[in-house]
């Protein structure tokens, strides 16, 4: 008996640029009971979905072209482009903060530039280094170079104050995340955030 190959991932079209992509590579939007359009970043909310690329320009284009109304086939309440873009940005940023917080509670975070550097030189190297967006160029370059030299994945995200608040300490320039499930989740969350802002 012949076995069927793996089914292709579900495809959806971006309302802004009309490009078809895997659902996992798009942002899903839903309408609330009050007919307000909001993002469903975890793809968990019930009902019909509408999609855009993970790109603020596609969100703006979808609004300008009134594509949400066409997709949901009725009048819906859509924030002005700048407000919806900021709402999505805030949600994506919050996902990163939440994951770092969970990893910290699990004892998987090392915070501070010096401690991150020490972790990179240790035998049990971290799975990911996250450098703050507002760290000095010299310190940032040093941490990135060290991560690359030790073949450790690195990303730039959140601020020194964000990191300090998560750790319950003074501002920190970077964190190292121990190898494990949080690494892939954080890489995905940070990549989605930077893609949305057009900073790739």
N, C-alpha and C. Protein backbone atom coordinates (compact mmCIF):
# COMPACT_ATOMS: atom_id res chain seq x y z
N UNK A 1 0.84 -1.20 0.00
CA UNK A 1 0.00 0.00 0.00
C UNK A 1 0.88 1.24 0.00
N UNK A 2 0.62 2.14 -0.93
CA UNK A 2 1.46 3.33 -1.06
C UNK A 2 1.15 4.30 0.07
N UNK A 3 2.18 4.97 0.55
CA UNK A 3 2.02 5.98 1.59
C UNK A 3 2.05 7.36 0.97
N UNK A 4 1.16 8.21 1.40
CA UNK A 4 1.13 9.57 0.91
C UNK A 4 2.25 10.38 1.57
N UNK A 5 2.81 11.30 0.81
CA UNK A 5 3.84 12.17 1.35
C UNK A 5 3.23 13.14 2.34
N UNK A 6 4.11 13.84 3.04
CA UNK A 6 3.63 14.82 4.01
C UNK A 6 2.83 15.92 3.30
N UNK A 7 1.71 16.27 3.86
CA UNK A 7 0.88 17.32 3.26
C UNK A 7 1.61 18.66 3.37
N UNK A 8 1.43 19.48 2.37
CA UNK A 8 2.05 20.80 2.40
C UNK A 8 1.41 21.65 3.49
N UNK A 9 2.22 22.54 4.05
CA UNK A 9 1.70 23.44 5.08
C UNK A 9 0.60 24.32 4.47
N UNK A 10 -0.44 24.62 5.24
CA UNK A 10 -1.52 25.48 4.73
C UNK A 10 -0.99 26.83 4.25
N UNK A 11 -1.46 27.26 3.09
CA UNK A 11 -1.03 28.52 2.50
C UNK A 11 -2.13 29.58 2.65
N UNK A 12 -1.72 30.81 2.86
CA UNK A 12 -2.64 31.93 2.89
C UNK A 12 -2.00 33.10 2.15
N UNK A 13 -2.84 34.01 1.65
CA UNK A 13 -2.34 35.18 0.93
C UNK A 13 -2.31 36.40 1.85
N UNK A 14 -1.25 37.18 1.74
CA UNK A 14 -1.13 38.44 2.48
C UNK A 14 -2.10 39.46 1.90
N UNK A 15 -2.87 40.11 2.76
CA UNK A 15 -3.81 41.13 2.31
C UNK A 15 -3.10 42.36 1.75
N UNK A 16 -1.84 42.56 2.14
CA UNK A 16 -1.13 43.75 1.70
C UNK A 16 -0.45 43.59 0.36
N UNK A 17 0.36 42.52 0.22
CA UNK A 17 1.14 42.33 -1.00
C UNK A 17 0.64 41.19 -1.88
N UNK A 18 -0.34 40.43 -1.38
CA UNK A 18 -0.99 39.33 -2.10
C UNK A 18 -0.09 38.12 -2.31
N UNK A 19 1.06 38.08 -1.66
CA UNK A 19 1.95 36.94 -1.76
C UNK A 19 1.40 35.78 -0.94
N UNK A 20 1.45 34.56 -1.48
CA UNK A 20 1.02 33.37 -0.75
C UNK A 20 2.20 32.77 0.00
N UNK A 21 1.98 32.47 1.28
CA UNK A 21 3.03 31.90 2.13
C UNK A 21 2.40 30.89 3.09
N UNK A 22 3.25 30.08 3.74
CA UNK A 22 2.78 29.23 4.81
C UNK A 22 2.14 30.10 5.90
N UNK A 23 1.08 29.60 6.52
CA UNK A 23 0.42 30.35 7.59
C UNK A 23 1.39 30.74 8.69
N UNK A 24 2.37 29.88 8.95
CA UNK A 24 3.32 30.15 10.03
C UNK A 24 4.21 31.35 9.75
N UNK A 25 4.25 31.78 8.49
CA UNK A 25 5.09 32.90 8.09
C UNK A 25 4.30 34.20 7.95
N UNK A 26 3.07 34.18 8.45
CA UNK A 26 2.19 35.34 8.35
C UNK A 26 1.64 35.71 9.73
N UNK A 27 1.08 36.90 9.83
CA UNK A 27 0.35 37.30 11.03
C UNK A 27 -1.13 37.08 10.77
N UNK A 28 -1.79 36.40 11.68
CA UNK A 28 -3.23 36.17 11.57
C UNK A 28 -3.99 37.26 12.32
N UNK A 29 -5.03 37.78 11.69
CA UNK A 29 -5.92 38.75 12.33
C UNK A 29 -7.31 38.15 12.41
N UNK A 30 -8.02 38.45 13.49
CA UNK A 30 -9.39 37.98 13.68
C UNK A 30 -10.28 39.17 14.01
N UNK A 31 -11.57 38.95 13.91
CA UNK A 31 -12.52 39.99 14.34
C UNK A 31 -13.13 39.57 15.67
N UNK A 32 -13.20 40.52 16.58
CA UNK A 32 -13.79 40.27 17.89
C UNK A 32 -15.31 40.28 17.76
N UNK A 33 -16.03 39.88 18.83
CA UNK A 33 -17.50 39.98 18.79
C UNK A 33 -18.00 41.40 18.50
N UNK A 34 -17.16 42.41 18.81
CA UNK A 34 -17.52 43.80 18.52
C UNK A 34 -17.07 44.22 17.12
N UNK A 35 -16.62 43.24 16.32
CA UNK A 35 -16.19 43.47 14.94
C UNK A 35 -14.91 44.30 14.84
N UNK A 36 -14.11 44.28 15.90
CA UNK A 36 -12.82 44.95 15.86
C UNK A 36 -11.77 43.97 15.37
N UNK A 37 -10.90 44.42 14.50
CA UNK A 37 -9.84 43.58 13.95
C UNK A 37 -8.62 43.66 14.87
N UNK A 38 -8.16 42.49 15.35
CA UNK A 38 -7.00 42.42 16.23
C UNK A 38 -6.10 41.26 15.80
N UNK A 39 -4.80 41.35 16.08
CA UNK A 39 -3.89 40.26 15.73
C UNK A 39 -4.06 39.06 16.65
N UNK A 40 -3.89 37.88 16.07
CA UNK A 40 -3.90 36.62 16.83
C UNK A 40 -2.54 35.97 16.62
N UNK A 41 -1.54 36.46 17.35
CA UNK A 41 -0.16 36.06 17.09
C UNK A 41 0.11 34.58 17.36
N UNK A 42 -0.69 33.97 18.23
CA UNK A 42 -0.48 32.56 18.55
C UNK A 42 -1.37 31.63 17.72
N UNK A 43 -2.17 32.22 16.83
CA UNK A 43 -3.05 31.42 15.96
C UNK A 43 -3.96 30.49 16.75
N UNK A 44 -4.53 31.01 17.82
CA UNK A 44 -5.35 30.17 18.70
C UNK A 44 -6.80 30.62 18.79
N UNK A 45 -7.10 31.84 18.38
CA UNK A 45 -8.45 32.36 18.55
C UNK A 45 -9.39 31.77 17.50
N UNK A 46 -10.65 31.54 17.87
CA UNK A 46 -11.60 30.95 16.92
C UNK A 46 -12.05 31.93 15.85
N UNK A 47 -12.67 31.40 14.83
CA UNK A 47 -13.25 32.25 13.80
C UNK A 47 -12.38 32.38 12.57
N UNK A 48 -12.93 33.08 11.62
CA UNK A 48 -12.26 33.32 10.35
C UNK A 48 -11.03 34.19 10.57
N UNK A 49 -9.96 33.89 9.85
CA UNK A 49 -8.75 34.68 9.96
C UNK A 49 -8.42 35.42 8.67
N UNK A 50 -7.73 36.52 8.81
CA UNK A 50 -7.18 37.26 7.68
C UNK A 50 -5.69 37.42 7.95
N UNK A 51 -4.89 37.50 6.89
CA UNK A 51 -3.44 37.39 7.08
C UNK A 51 -2.67 38.51 6.37
N UNK A 52 -1.55 38.89 6.99
CA UNK A 52 -0.58 39.75 6.33
C UNK A 52 0.81 39.17 6.57
N UNK A 53 1.76 39.60 5.76
CA UNK A 53 3.14 39.25 6.04
C UNK A 53 3.54 39.83 7.40
N UNK A 54 4.61 39.30 7.96
CA UNK A 54 5.13 39.83 9.22
C UNK A 54 5.96 41.06 8.87
N UNK A 55 5.26 42.10 8.45
CA UNK A 55 5.89 43.30 7.91
C UNK A 55 4.91 44.46 8.07
N UNK A 56 5.35 45.49 8.76
CA UNK A 56 4.44 46.62 9.03
C UNK A 56 3.93 47.27 7.75
N UNK A 57 4.72 47.18 6.67
CA UNK A 57 4.29 47.78 5.41
C UNK A 57 3.08 47.06 4.83
N UNK A 58 3.02 45.74 5.02
CA UNK A 58 1.88 44.98 4.52
C UNK A 58 0.62 45.27 5.35
N UNK A 59 0.80 45.47 6.65
CA UNK A 59 -0.34 45.85 7.49
C UNK A 59 -0.89 47.20 7.04
N UNK A 60 0.01 48.15 6.80
CA UNK A 60 -0.42 49.48 6.36
C UNK A 60 -1.12 49.40 5.00
N UNK A 61 -0.58 48.58 4.09
CA UNK A 61 -1.19 48.44 2.76
C UNK A 61 -2.57 47.81 2.84
N UNK A 62 -2.73 46.80 3.72
CA UNK A 62 -4.02 46.14 3.87
C UNK A 62 -5.08 47.12 4.37
N UNK A 63 -4.69 48.00 5.28
CA UNK A 63 -5.62 49.00 5.79
C UNK A 63 -5.95 50.03 4.70
N UNK A 64 -4.93 50.51 4.01
CA UNK A 64 -5.14 51.52 2.98
C UNK A 64 -6.06 51.02 1.87
N UNK A 65 -5.96 49.72 1.56
CA UNK A 65 -6.75 49.12 0.49
C UNK A 65 -8.08 48.54 0.98
N UNK A 66 -8.36 48.74 2.28
CA UNK A 66 -9.60 48.24 2.90
C UNK A 66 -9.77 46.73 2.71
N UNK A 67 -8.64 46.03 2.81
CA UNK A 67 -8.67 44.59 2.58
C UNK A 67 -9.28 43.80 3.74
N UNK A 68 -9.21 44.34 4.95
CA UNK A 68 -9.81 43.61 6.08
C UNK A 68 -11.32 43.52 5.90
N UNK A 69 -11.93 44.59 5.44
CA UNK A 69 -13.38 44.59 5.19
C UNK A 69 -13.72 43.55 4.13
N UNK A 70 -12.94 43.48 3.07
CA UNK A 70 -13.20 42.51 2.01
C UNK A 70 -13.00 41.08 2.51
N UNK A 71 -11.95 40.89 3.30
CA UNK A 71 -11.65 39.53 3.78
C UNK A 71 -12.72 39.01 4.72
N UNK A 72 -13.18 39.86 5.64
CA UNK A 72 -14.20 39.43 6.60
C UNK A 72 -15.63 39.58 6.05
N UNK A 73 -15.74 40.16 4.86
CA UNK A 73 -17.01 40.26 4.14
C UNK A 73 -18.08 41.03 4.91
N UNK A 74 -17.62 42.02 5.65
CA UNK A 74 -18.55 42.90 6.35
C UNK A 74 -17.78 44.11 6.87
N UNK A 75 -18.52 45.11 7.34
CA UNK A 75 -17.85 46.26 7.93
C UNK A 75 -17.20 45.85 9.24
N UNK A 76 -15.93 46.13 9.37
CA UNK A 76 -15.21 45.82 10.60
C UNK A 76 -14.51 47.10 11.07
N UNK A 77 -14.18 47.11 12.35
CA UNK A 77 -13.50 48.27 12.94
C UNK A 77 -12.00 48.02 12.90
N UNK A 78 -11.30 48.85 12.17
CA UNK A 78 -9.85 48.70 12.04
C UNK A 78 -9.17 49.97 12.55
N UNK A 79 -8.20 49.81 13.41
CA UNK A 79 -7.44 50.97 13.90
C UNK A 79 -6.75 51.66 12.73
N UNK A 80 -6.43 52.94 12.89
CA UNK A 80 -5.56 53.60 11.90
C UNK A 80 -4.25 52.82 11.79
N UNK A 81 -3.62 52.90 10.64
CA UNK A 81 -2.44 52.07 10.37
C UNK A 81 -1.37 52.21 11.46
N UNK A 82 -1.04 53.43 11.86
CA UNK A 82 0.01 53.63 12.85
C UNK A 82 -0.35 52.97 14.17
N UNK A 83 -1.62 53.03 14.56
CA UNK A 83 -2.04 52.45 15.83
C UNK A 83 -2.00 50.92 15.78
N UNK A 84 -2.47 50.33 14.68
CA UNK A 84 -2.46 48.87 14.58
C UNK A 84 -1.04 48.34 14.49
N UNK A 85 -0.18 49.05 13.76
CA UNK A 85 1.23 48.65 13.67
C UNK A 85 1.87 48.69 15.05
N UNK A 86 1.60 49.74 15.83
CA UNK A 86 2.17 49.83 17.17
C UNK A 86 1.59 48.75 18.08
N UNK A 87 0.31 48.43 17.90
CA UNK A 87 -0.31 47.37 18.70
C UNK A 87 0.37 46.03 18.42
N UNK A 88 0.59 45.72 17.14
CA UNK A 88 1.26 44.47 16.78
C UNK A 88 2.69 44.47 17.29
N UNK A 89 3.39 45.60 17.12
CA UNK A 89 4.77 45.68 17.60
C UNK A 89 4.85 45.40 19.10
N UNK A 90 3.91 46.00 19.84
CA UNK A 90 3.89 45.81 21.29
C UNK A 90 3.65 44.34 21.64
N UNK A 91 2.76 43.68 20.91
CA UNK A 91 2.48 42.27 21.18
C UNK A 91 3.69 41.40 20.87
N UNK A 92 4.36 41.66 19.75
CA UNK A 92 5.55 40.89 19.39
C UNK A 92 6.68 41.12 20.39
N UNK A 93 6.84 42.37 20.83
CA UNK A 93 7.85 42.70 21.83
C UNK A 93 7.53 42.00 23.15
N UNK A 94 6.26 42.01 23.52
CA UNK A 94 5.85 41.36 24.76
C UNK A 94 6.12 39.87 24.76
N UNK A 95 6.01 39.25 23.58
CA UNK A 95 6.31 37.82 23.46
C UNK A 95 7.77 37.55 23.81
N UNK A 96 8.67 38.40 23.33
CA UNK A 96 10.10 38.24 23.63
C UNK A 96 10.35 38.40 25.13
N UNK A 97 9.78 39.47 25.70
CA UNK A 97 9.95 39.72 27.13
C UNK A 97 9.43 38.54 27.95
N UNK A 98 8.25 38.03 27.57
CA UNK A 98 7.66 36.92 28.29
C UNK A 98 8.51 35.67 28.25
N UNK A 99 9.08 35.37 27.10
CA UNK A 99 9.92 34.17 26.97
C UNK A 99 11.21 34.29 27.77
N UNK A 100 11.84 35.48 27.73
CA UNK A 100 13.05 35.67 28.54
C UNK A 100 12.71 35.52 30.02
N UNK A 101 11.55 36.06 30.42
CA UNK A 101 11.12 35.94 31.81
C UNK A 101 10.91 34.49 32.23
N UNK A 102 10.27 33.71 31.37
CA UNK A 102 10.05 32.30 31.67
C UNK A 102 11.37 31.54 31.76
N UNK A 103 12.29 31.85 30.82
CA UNK A 103 13.59 31.19 30.86
C UNK A 103 14.36 31.56 32.12
N UNK A 104 14.21 32.81 32.55
CA UNK A 104 14.88 33.25 33.78
C UNK A 104 14.32 32.51 35.00
N UNK A 105 13.00 32.37 35.05
CA UNK A 105 12.38 31.64 36.17
C UNK A 105 12.82 30.18 36.19
N UNK A 106 13.14 29.65 35.02
CA UNK A 106 13.59 28.26 34.94
C UNK A 106 15.09 28.13 35.22
N UNK A 107 15.74 29.25 35.53
CA UNK A 107 17.17 29.22 35.85
C UNK A 107 18.06 29.05 34.63
N UNK A 108 17.58 29.50 33.46
CA UNK A 108 18.31 29.27 32.21
C UNK A 108 18.93 30.54 31.64
N UNK A 109 18.93 31.63 32.42
CA UNK A 109 19.43 32.91 31.94
C UNK A 109 20.67 33.34 32.72
N UNK A 110 21.68 33.80 32.00
CA UNK A 110 22.85 34.44 32.59
C UNK A 110 22.84 35.88 32.11
N UNK A 111 22.87 36.85 33.03
CA UNK A 111 22.73 38.25 32.66
C UNK A 111 23.97 39.08 32.88
N UNK A 112 24.20 40.05 31.99
CA UNK A 112 25.32 40.96 32.11
C UNK A 112 26.42 40.63 31.12
N UNK A 113 27.04 41.65 30.55
CA UNK A 113 28.06 41.43 29.52
C UNK A 113 29.21 40.56 29.98
N UNK A 114 29.76 40.82 31.17
CA UNK A 114 30.90 40.05 31.65
C UNK A 114 30.53 38.59 31.87
N UNK A 115 29.35 38.35 32.47
CA UNK A 115 28.94 36.97 32.73
C UNK A 115 28.60 36.23 31.44
N UNK A 116 28.06 36.96 30.47
CA UNK A 116 27.79 36.33 29.18
C UNK A 116 29.10 35.94 28.51
N UNK A 117 30.08 36.82 28.57
CA UNK A 117 31.40 36.51 28.01
C UNK A 117 32.00 35.28 28.67
N UNK A 118 31.88 35.19 30.01
CA UNK A 118 32.38 34.02 30.73
C UNK A 118 31.65 32.76 30.30
N UNK A 119 30.32 32.87 30.11
CA UNK A 119 29.52 31.72 29.69
C UNK A 119 29.96 31.22 28.31
N UNK A 120 30.30 32.14 27.44
CA UNK A 120 30.74 31.76 26.09
C UNK A 120 32.08 31.04 26.11
N UNK A 121 32.89 31.36 27.10
CA UNK A 121 34.21 30.70 27.21
C UNK A 121 34.15 29.40 27.99
N UNK A 122 33.03 29.11 28.61
CA UNK A 122 32.91 27.91 29.43
C UNK A 122 32.73 26.66 28.56
N UNK A 123 32.87 25.50 29.19
CA UNK A 123 32.70 24.25 28.44
C UNK A 123 31.24 24.05 28.03
N UNK A 124 30.32 24.39 28.93
CA UNK A 124 28.90 24.25 28.63
C UNK A 124 28.39 25.58 28.11
N UNK A 125 28.49 25.76 26.81
CA UNK A 125 28.16 27.04 26.20
C UNK A 125 26.65 27.24 26.10
N UNK A 126 26.20 28.50 26.15
CA UNK A 126 24.77 28.78 26.01
C UNK A 126 24.30 28.48 24.59
N UNK A 127 22.97 28.43 24.43
CA UNK A 127 22.42 28.19 23.10
C UNK A 127 22.14 29.47 22.34
N UNK A 128 22.05 30.59 23.07
CA UNK A 128 21.71 31.87 22.43
C UNK A 128 22.21 33.02 23.29
N UNK A 129 22.71 34.04 22.62
CA UNK A 129 23.08 35.30 23.28
C UNK A 129 22.18 36.39 22.72
N UNK A 130 21.55 37.16 23.61
CA UNK A 130 20.71 38.28 23.20
C UNK A 130 21.39 39.56 23.67
N UNK A 131 21.74 40.41 22.71
CA UNK A 131 22.41 41.68 23.01
C UNK A 131 21.37 42.79 22.99
N UNK A 132 21.42 43.68 23.96
CA UNK A 132 20.46 44.78 24.04
C UNK A 132 20.60 45.72 22.84
N UNK A 133 19.49 46.29 22.41
CA UNK A 133 19.49 47.17 21.25
C UNK A 133 20.22 48.48 21.50
N UNK A 134 20.28 48.90 22.77
CA UNK A 134 20.88 50.19 23.09
C UNK A 134 22.23 50.08 23.78
N UNK A 135 22.88 48.93 23.62
CA UNK A 135 24.21 48.77 24.18
C UNK A 135 25.18 49.58 23.32
N UNK A 136 26.31 49.97 23.86
CA UNK A 136 27.29 50.73 23.09
C UNK A 136 27.79 49.88 21.92
N UNK A 137 28.09 50.50 20.77
CA UNK A 137 28.56 49.73 19.62
C UNK A 137 29.77 48.85 19.93
N UNK A 138 30.68 49.36 20.74
CA UNK A 138 31.89 48.60 21.06
C UNK A 138 31.57 47.34 21.85
N UNK A 139 30.72 47.48 22.88
CA UNK A 139 30.34 46.31 23.69
C UNK A 139 29.52 45.34 22.86
N UNK A 140 28.58 45.87 22.08
CA UNK A 140 27.76 45.00 21.25
C UNK A 140 28.59 44.20 20.28
N UNK A 141 29.53 44.86 19.61
CA UNK A 141 30.38 44.18 18.64
C UNK A 141 31.24 43.12 19.32
N UNK A 142 31.72 43.42 20.52
CA UNK A 142 32.54 42.46 21.26
C UNK A 142 31.75 41.21 21.62
N UNK A 143 30.51 41.39 22.06
CA UNK A 143 29.67 40.25 22.43
C UNK A 143 29.29 39.42 21.20
N UNK A 144 28.94 40.09 20.12
CA UNK A 144 28.59 39.38 18.89
C UNK A 144 29.79 38.59 18.36
N UNK A 145 30.96 39.23 18.37
CA UNK A 145 32.18 38.55 17.91
C UNK A 145 32.47 37.32 18.77
N UNK A 146 32.31 37.46 20.08
CA UNK A 146 32.57 36.33 20.97
C UNK A 146 31.59 35.18 20.70
N UNK A 147 30.31 35.53 20.50
CA UNK A 147 29.31 34.49 20.20
C UNK A 147 29.66 33.77 18.91
N UNK A 148 30.01 34.53 17.89
CA UNK A 148 30.35 33.92 16.60
C UNK A 148 31.62 33.07 16.70
N UNK A 149 32.58 33.53 17.48
CA UNK A 149 33.83 32.78 17.63
C UNK A 149 33.59 31.44 18.29
N UNK A 150 32.58 31.36 19.16
CA UNK A 150 32.26 30.12 19.86
C UNK A 150 31.07 29.39 19.23
N UNK A 151 30.66 29.84 18.03
CA UNK A 151 29.59 29.19 17.27
C UNK A 151 28.27 29.14 18.06
N UNK A 152 27.97 30.25 18.71
CA UNK A 152 26.73 30.37 19.47
C UNK A 152 25.81 31.37 18.74
N UNK A 153 24.57 31.00 18.58
CA UNK A 153 23.59 31.86 17.93
C UNK A 153 23.43 33.16 18.72
N UNK A 154 23.19 34.27 18.00
CA UNK A 154 23.01 35.55 18.68
C UNK A 154 21.93 36.36 17.98
N UNK A 155 21.27 37.20 18.76
CA UNK A 155 20.26 38.11 18.27
C UNK A 155 20.40 39.44 19.02
N UNK A 156 19.84 40.49 18.44
CA UNK A 156 19.78 41.79 19.11
C UNK A 156 18.31 42.13 19.33
N UNK A 157 17.94 42.36 20.58
CA UNK A 157 16.53 42.63 20.90
C UNK A 157 16.41 43.21 22.29
N UNK A 158 15.33 43.92 22.53
CA UNK A 158 14.97 44.57 23.79
C UNK A 158 16.08 45.51 24.28
N UNK A 159 15.79 46.26 25.30
CA UNK A 159 16.74 47.26 25.80
C UNK A 159 17.43 46.78 27.07
N UNK A 160 18.46 47.54 27.46
CA UNK A 160 19.15 47.22 28.72
C UNK A 160 18.19 47.29 29.89
N UNK A 161 17.31 48.29 29.88
CA UNK A 161 16.32 48.42 30.96
C UNK A 161 15.35 47.24 30.96
N UNK A 162 14.94 46.80 29.76
CA UNK A 162 14.05 45.63 29.67
C UNK A 162 14.71 44.42 30.33
N UNK A 163 15.97 44.19 29.99
CA UNK A 163 16.68 43.03 30.54
C UNK A 163 16.80 43.15 32.05
N UNK A 164 17.18 44.33 32.51
CA UNK A 164 17.30 44.53 33.95
C UNK A 164 15.99 44.28 34.67
N UNK A 165 14.89 44.78 34.10
CA UNK A 165 13.57 44.61 34.73
C UNK A 165 13.20 43.13 34.80
N UNK A 166 13.48 42.38 33.74
CA UNK A 166 13.16 40.95 33.73
C UNK A 166 13.94 40.22 34.82
N UNK A 167 15.22 40.59 34.98
CA UNK A 167 16.08 39.91 35.94
C UNK A 167 15.93 40.47 37.35
N UNK A 168 15.19 41.60 37.48
CA UNK A 168 15.06 42.22 38.79
C UNK A 168 16.34 42.86 39.25
N UNK A 169 17.12 43.38 38.29
CA UNK A 169 18.42 43.98 38.61
C UNK A 169 18.57 45.29 37.84
N UNK A 170 19.75 45.89 37.96
CA UNK A 170 20.06 47.09 37.19
C UNK A 170 20.11 46.73 35.71
N UNK A 171 20.09 47.72 34.82
CA UNK A 171 20.15 47.43 33.38
C UNK A 171 21.32 46.51 33.03
N UNK A 172 21.09 45.63 32.09
CA UNK A 172 22.11 44.68 31.65
C UNK A 172 22.26 44.78 30.14
N UNK A 173 23.48 44.60 29.65
CA UNK A 173 23.76 44.76 28.21
C UNK A 173 23.42 43.52 27.40
N UNK A 174 23.32 42.37 28.05
CA UNK A 174 23.07 41.14 27.30
C UNK A 174 22.65 40.03 28.25
N UNK A 175 22.08 38.99 27.67
CA UNK A 175 21.81 37.76 28.41
C UNK A 175 22.22 36.57 27.56
N UNK A 176 22.58 35.50 28.23
CA UNK A 176 22.83 34.22 27.57
C UNK A 176 21.73 33.26 27.99
N UNK A 177 21.20 32.51 27.03
CA UNK A 177 20.12 31.55 27.29
C UNK A 177 20.69 30.15 27.14
N UNK A 178 20.51 29.33 28.17
CA UNK A 178 21.02 27.96 28.12
C UNK A 178 20.36 27.19 26.99
N UNK A 179 21.09 26.21 26.46
CA UNK A 179 20.56 25.38 25.38
C UNK A 179 19.28 24.70 25.82
N UNK A 180 18.35 24.56 24.88
CA UNK A 180 17.06 23.94 25.20
C UNK A 180 15.95 24.57 24.40
N UNK A 181 14.73 24.24 24.77
CA UNK A 181 13.57 24.68 24.01
C UNK A 181 13.37 26.17 23.91
N UNK A 182 13.82 26.92 24.92
CA UNK A 182 13.61 28.37 24.88
C UNK A 182 14.42 29.03 23.77
N UNK A 183 15.52 28.41 23.36
CA UNK A 183 16.37 29.02 22.33
C UNK A 183 15.61 29.17 21.02
N UNK A 184 15.01 28.09 20.53
CA UNK A 184 14.27 28.15 19.27
C UNK A 184 13.08 29.10 19.37
N UNK A 185 12.39 29.08 20.51
CA UNK A 185 11.24 29.97 20.68
C UNK A 185 11.66 31.43 20.65
N UNK A 186 12.77 31.74 21.31
CA UNK A 186 13.24 33.13 21.34
C UNK A 186 13.77 33.56 19.98
N UNK A 187 14.48 32.69 19.30
CA UNK A 187 14.95 33.04 17.97
C UNK A 187 13.78 33.37 17.05
N UNK A 188 12.74 32.55 17.10
CA UNK A 188 11.57 32.79 16.26
C UNK A 188 10.89 34.10 16.64
N UNK A 189 10.71 34.34 17.95
CA UNK A 189 10.03 35.55 18.40
C UNK A 189 10.80 36.80 18.01
N UNK A 190 12.13 36.77 18.18
CA UNK A 190 12.95 37.93 17.84
C UNK A 190 12.98 38.15 16.33
N UNK A 191 13.07 37.08 15.56
CA UNK A 191 13.08 37.22 14.10
C UNK A 191 11.76 37.79 13.59
N UNK A 192 10.66 37.36 14.18
CA UNK A 192 9.36 37.91 13.79
C UNK A 192 9.29 39.41 14.10
N UNK A 193 9.81 39.77 15.25
CA UNK A 193 9.80 41.18 15.66
C UNK A 193 10.64 42.04 14.71
N UNK A 194 11.86 41.60 14.41
CA UNK A 194 12.72 42.38 13.53
C UNK A 194 12.19 42.39 12.10
N UNK A 195 11.61 41.28 11.66
CA UNK A 195 10.99 41.25 10.33
C UNK A 195 9.87 42.28 10.25
N UNK A 196 9.04 42.31 11.29
CA UNK A 196 7.90 43.23 11.28
C UNK A 196 8.36 44.68 11.18
N UNK A 197 9.43 45.01 11.87
CA UNK A 197 9.93 46.38 11.87
C UNK A 197 10.77 46.69 10.63
N UNK A 198 11.08 45.66 9.84
CA UNK A 198 11.90 45.88 8.66
C UNK A 198 13.36 46.08 8.97
N UNK A 199 13.84 45.46 10.06
CA UNK A 199 15.21 45.66 10.49
C UNK A 199 16.12 44.50 10.13
N UNK A 200 15.67 43.63 9.23
CA UNK A 200 16.50 42.47 8.84
C UNK A 200 17.50 42.92 7.79
